[in-house]
Amino acid sequence: MHVLFFAKARVVAGTSHVDVPLEGASGTVGSVMADVVRQLPALESLVPRCRLALNEEYCDTADAVKPGDVLACIPPVSGG
């Protein structure tokens, strides 16, 4: 599964994306993000504040994922 990072998440992660193998044929958004935090511990405090989008649609951590899906981690932004 491909996980994309935007804005501050990209800076903190030090990369624009990571690939996370799924256990079995599927999993949940929450389990994927837990794997991401294990790979990139610097994201631990930021991830809970991020919006997540699965295949370009906002999602919840309980939503199912499957191989080939794309998950985006979008941190809070401000500005005007």
N, C-alpha and C. Protein backbone atom coordinates (compact mmCIF):
# COMPACT_ATOMS: atom_id res chain seq x y z
N MET A 1 0.85 -1.17 0.00
CA MET A 1 0.00 0.00 0.00
C MET A 1 0.89 1.23 0.00
N HIS A 2 0.53 2.21 -0.76
CA HIS A 2 1.30 3.45 -0.91
C HIS A 2 0.73 4.50 0.06
N VAL A 3 1.57 5.08 0.90
CA VAL A 3 1.14 6.12 1.84
C VAL A 3 1.88 7.41 1.49
N LEU A 4 1.10 8.47 1.21
CA LEU A 4 1.65 9.77 0.83
C LEU A 4 1.64 10.72 2.02
N PHE A 5 2.66 11.59 2.09
CA PHE A 5 2.73 12.60 3.14
C PHE A 5 2.72 13.98 2.51
N PHE A 6 1.98 14.90 3.12
CA PHE A 6 1.88 16.26 2.62
C PHE A 6 2.28 17.26 3.71
N ALA A 7 2.75 18.43 3.28
CA ALA A 7 3.07 19.56 4.15
C ALA A 7 4.00 19.13 5.29
N LYS A 8 3.61 19.44 6.53
CA LYS A 8 4.47 19.16 7.69
C LYS A 8 4.75 17.66 7.84
N ALA A 9 3.80 16.83 7.48
CA ALA A 9 4.02 15.38 7.57
C ALA A 9 5.17 14.96 6.66
N ARG A 10 5.27 15.56 5.50
CA ARG A 10 6.36 15.27 4.58
C ARG A 10 7.70 15.69 5.18
N VAL A 11 7.71 16.86 5.80
CA VAL A 11 8.94 17.37 6.42
C VAL A 11 9.36 16.47 7.58
N VAL A 12 8.44 16.14 8.44
CA VAL A 12 8.75 15.32 9.62
C VAL A 12 9.18 13.92 9.19
N ALA A 13 8.50 13.34 8.20
CA ALA A 13 8.83 12.00 7.73
C ALA A 13 10.16 11.97 6.99
N GLY A 14 10.52 13.11 6.38
CA GLY A 14 11.75 13.15 5.60
C GLY A 14 11.60 12.49 4.24
N THR A 15 10.37 12.26 3.83
CA THR A 15 10.08 11.63 2.54
C THR A 15 8.66 11.99 2.12
N SER A 16 8.38 11.84 0.85
CA SER A 16 7.04 12.14 0.35
C SER A 16 6.10 10.94 0.42
N HIS A 17 6.66 9.75 0.58
CA HIS A 17 5.82 8.55 0.63
C HIS A 17 6.59 7.35 1.20
N VAL A 18 5.83 6.36 1.61
CA VAL A 18 6.38 5.05 1.98
C VAL A 18 5.43 3.99 1.44
N ASP A 19 5.97 2.81 1.25
CA ASP A 19 5.14 1.66 0.89
C ASP A 19 5.05 0.76 2.10
N VAL A 20 3.83 0.35 2.43
CA VAL A 20 3.58 -0.48 3.60
C VAL A 20 2.94 -1.78 3.13
N PRO A 21 3.58 -2.91 3.39
CA PRO A 21 2.96 -4.19 3.01
C PRO A 21 1.75 -4.47 3.90
N LEU A 22 0.72 -5.01 3.31
CA LEU A 22 -0.47 -5.36 4.09
C LEU A 22 -0.34 -6.79 4.59
N GLU A 23 -0.75 -7.01 5.83
CA GLU A 23 -0.79 -8.36 6.39
C GLU A 23 -2.00 -9.06 5.78
N GLY A 24 -1.79 -10.11 5.03
CA GLY A 24 -2.89 -10.80 4.37
C GLY A 24 -3.40 -9.98 3.20
N ALA A 25 -4.66 -10.12 2.88
CA ALA A 25 -5.23 -9.47 1.71
C ALA A 25 -5.81 -8.10 2.02
N SER A 26 -5.94 -7.76 3.30
CA SER A 26 -6.54 -6.47 3.64
C SER A 26 -6.13 -6.06 5.05
N GLY A 27 -6.59 -4.90 5.47
CA GLY A 27 -6.32 -4.37 6.80
C GLY A 27 -7.21 -3.17 6.99
N THR A 28 -6.84 -2.30 7.92
CA THR A 28 -7.59 -1.07 8.14
C THR A 28 -6.64 0.12 8.00
N VAL A 29 -7.23 1.28 7.82
CA VAL A 29 -6.45 2.52 7.76
C VAL A 29 -5.64 2.66 9.05
N GLY A 30 -6.25 2.37 10.18
CA GLY A 30 -5.57 2.48 11.47
C GLY A 30 -4.36 1.56 11.58
N SER A 31 -4.50 0.33 11.09
CA SER A 31 -3.37 -0.61 11.18
C SER A 31 -2.24 -0.18 10.25
N VAL A 32 -2.58 0.38 9.10
CA VAL A 32 -1.55 0.89 8.19
C VAL A 32 -0.82 2.06 8.83
N MET A 33 -1.55 2.98 9.43
CA MET A 33 -0.90 4.13 10.05
C MET A 33 -0.07 3.71 11.26
N ALA A 34 -0.47 2.68 11.97
CA ALA A 34 0.36 2.16 13.06
C ALA A 34 1.67 1.61 12.50
N ASP A 35 1.62 0.93 11.36
CA ASP A 35 2.84 0.45 10.71
C ASP A 35 3.72 1.61 10.27
N VAL A 36 3.09 2.67 9.75
CA VAL A 36 3.85 3.85 9.32
C VAL A 36 4.59 4.46 10.51
N VAL A 37 3.92 4.59 11.64
CA VAL A 37 4.55 5.18 12.82
C VAL A 37 5.68 4.28 13.33
N ARG A 38 5.53 2.97 13.20
CA ARG A 38 6.63 2.07 13.57
C ARG A 38 7.84 2.30 12.66
N GLN A 39 7.59 2.54 11.37
CA GLN A 39 8.68 2.80 10.41
C GLN A 39 9.29 4.18 10.61
N LEU A 40 8.43 5.15 10.92
CA LEU A 40 8.85 6.56 11.04
C LEU A 40 8.37 7.13 12.37
N PRO A 41 9.04 6.80 13.48
CA PRO A 41 8.58 7.21 14.80
C PRO A 41 8.42 8.72 14.97
N ALA A 42 9.10 9.52 14.19
CA ALA A 42 8.98 10.98 14.30
C ALA A 42 7.56 11.45 14.02
N LEU A 43 6.76 10.63 13.33
CA LEU A 43 5.38 11.00 13.00
C LEU A 43 4.38 10.72 14.13
N GLU A 44 4.82 10.07 15.19
CA GLU A 44 3.90 9.61 16.23
C GLU A 44 2.99 10.70 16.79
N SER A 45 3.53 11.87 17.08
CA SER A 45 2.70 12.93 17.66
C SER A 45 1.88 13.68 16.61
N LEU A 46 2.28 13.62 15.36
CA LEU A 46 1.58 14.34 14.30
C LEU A 46 0.41 13.54 13.71
N VAL A 47 0.57 12.26 13.55
CA VAL A 47 -0.44 11.43 12.89
C VAL A 47 -1.83 11.55 13.52
N PRO A 48 -1.98 11.56 14.84
CA PRO A 48 -3.33 11.67 15.40
C PRO A 48 -4.06 12.97 15.02
N ARG A 49 -3.33 14.01 14.64
CA ARG A 49 -3.96 15.28 14.26
C ARG A 49 -4.20 15.38 12.76
N CYS A 50 -3.74 14.41 12.00
CA CYS A 50 -3.86 14.46 10.54
C CYS A 50 -5.22 13.95 10.07
N ARG A 51 -5.65 14.49 8.94
CA ARG A 51 -6.79 13.91 8.21
C ARG A 51 -6.21 12.86 7.30
N LEU A 52 -6.93 11.80 7.12
CA LEU A 52 -6.49 10.71 6.26
C LEU A 52 -7.46 10.59 5.09
N ALA A 53 -6.91 10.33 3.92
CA ALA A 53 -7.73 10.15 2.73
C ALA A 53 -7.32 8.84 2.07
N LEU A 54 -8.30 8.02 1.77
CA LEU A 54 -8.08 6.74 1.12
C LEU A 54 -8.59 6.84 -0.31
N ASN A 55 -7.69 6.69 -1.26
CA ASN A 55 -8.05 6.81 -2.68
C ASN A 55 -8.78 8.12 -2.96
N GLU A 56 -8.23 9.21 -2.42
CA GLU A 56 -8.69 10.58 -2.62
C GLU A 56 -10.05 10.89 -1.99
N GLU A 57 -10.45 10.10 -0.99
CA GLU A 57 -11.68 10.36 -0.23
C GLU A 57 -11.33 10.33 1.25
N TYR A 58 -11.77 11.34 2.02
CA TYR A 58 -11.52 11.31 3.46
C TYR A 58 -12.06 10.03 4.05
N CYS A 59 -11.37 9.51 5.06
CA CYS A 59 -11.74 8.23 5.62
C CYS A 59 -11.54 8.22 7.13
N ASP A 60 -11.96 7.13 7.75
CA ASP A 60 -11.77 6.89 9.18
C ASP A 60 -10.76 5.77 9.37
N THR A 61 -10.21 5.68 10.57
CA THR A 61 -9.20 4.65 10.84
C THR A 61 -9.77 3.24 10.76
N ALA A 62 -11.07 3.07 10.90
CA ALA A 62 -11.67 1.74 10.84
C ALA A 62 -11.96 1.29 9.40
N ASP A 63 -11.80 2.18 8.42
CA ASP A 63 -12.08 1.81 7.04
C ASP A 63 -11.10 0.75 6.54
N ALA A 64 -11.62 -0.16 5.74
CA ALA A 64 -10.81 -1.25 5.20
C ALA A 64 -9.92 -0.77 4.06
N VAL A 65 -8.74 -1.37 3.97
CA VAL A 65 -7.82 -1.09 2.87
C VAL A 65 -7.48 -2.42 2.19
N LYS A 66 -7.04 -2.29 0.95
CA LYS A 66 -6.63 -3.48 0.20
C LYS A 66 -5.40 -3.14 -0.62
N PRO A 67 -4.68 -4.14 -1.08
CA PRO A 67 -3.50 -3.87 -1.89
C PRO A 67 -3.84 -2.96 -3.08
N GLY A 68 -2.95 -2.02 -3.36
CA GLY A 68 -3.17 -1.10 -4.46
C GLY A 68 -3.81 0.21 -4.05
N ASP A 69 -4.37 0.27 -2.83
CA ASP A 69 -4.96 1.52 -2.35
C ASP A 69 -3.86 2.55 -2.08
N VAL A 70 -4.25 3.82 -2.08
CA VAL A 70 -3.34 4.91 -1.77
C VAL A 70 -3.93 5.67 -0.59
N LEU A 71 -3.13 5.84 0.45
CA LEU A 71 -3.54 6.53 1.66
C LEU A 71 -2.73 7.83 1.76
N ALA A 72 -3.41 8.94 2.02
CA ALA A 72 -2.73 10.23 2.16
C ALA A 72 -2.87 10.72 3.58
N CYS A 73 -1.76 11.24 4.12
CA CYS A 73 -1.70 11.79 5.46
C CYS A 73 -1.59 13.31 5.32
N ILE A 74 -2.65 14.01 5.73
CA ILE A 74 -2.75 15.46 5.51
C ILE A 74 -2.81 16.15 6.87
N PRO A 75 -1.74 16.83 7.26
CA PRO A 75 -1.73 17.49 8.56
C PRO A 75 -2.57 18.76 8.55
N PRO A 76 -2.92 19.27 9.73
CA PRO A 76 -3.67 20.52 9.79
C PRO A 76 -2.84 21.65 9.21
N VAL A 77 -3.51 22.55 8.53
CA VAL A 77 -2.82 23.72 7.95
C VAL A 77 -3.57 24.98 8.37
N SER A 78 -2.87 26.08 8.33
CA SER A 78 -3.52 27.35 8.61
C SER A 78 -2.95 28.38 7.65
N GLY A 79 -3.56 29.48 7.61
CA GLY A 79 -3.09 30.53 6.70
C GLY A 79 -4.26 31.31 6.16
N GLY A 80 -3.95 32.21 5.30
CA GLY A 80 -5.07 33.01 4.78
C GLY A 80 -4.78 33.50 3.41
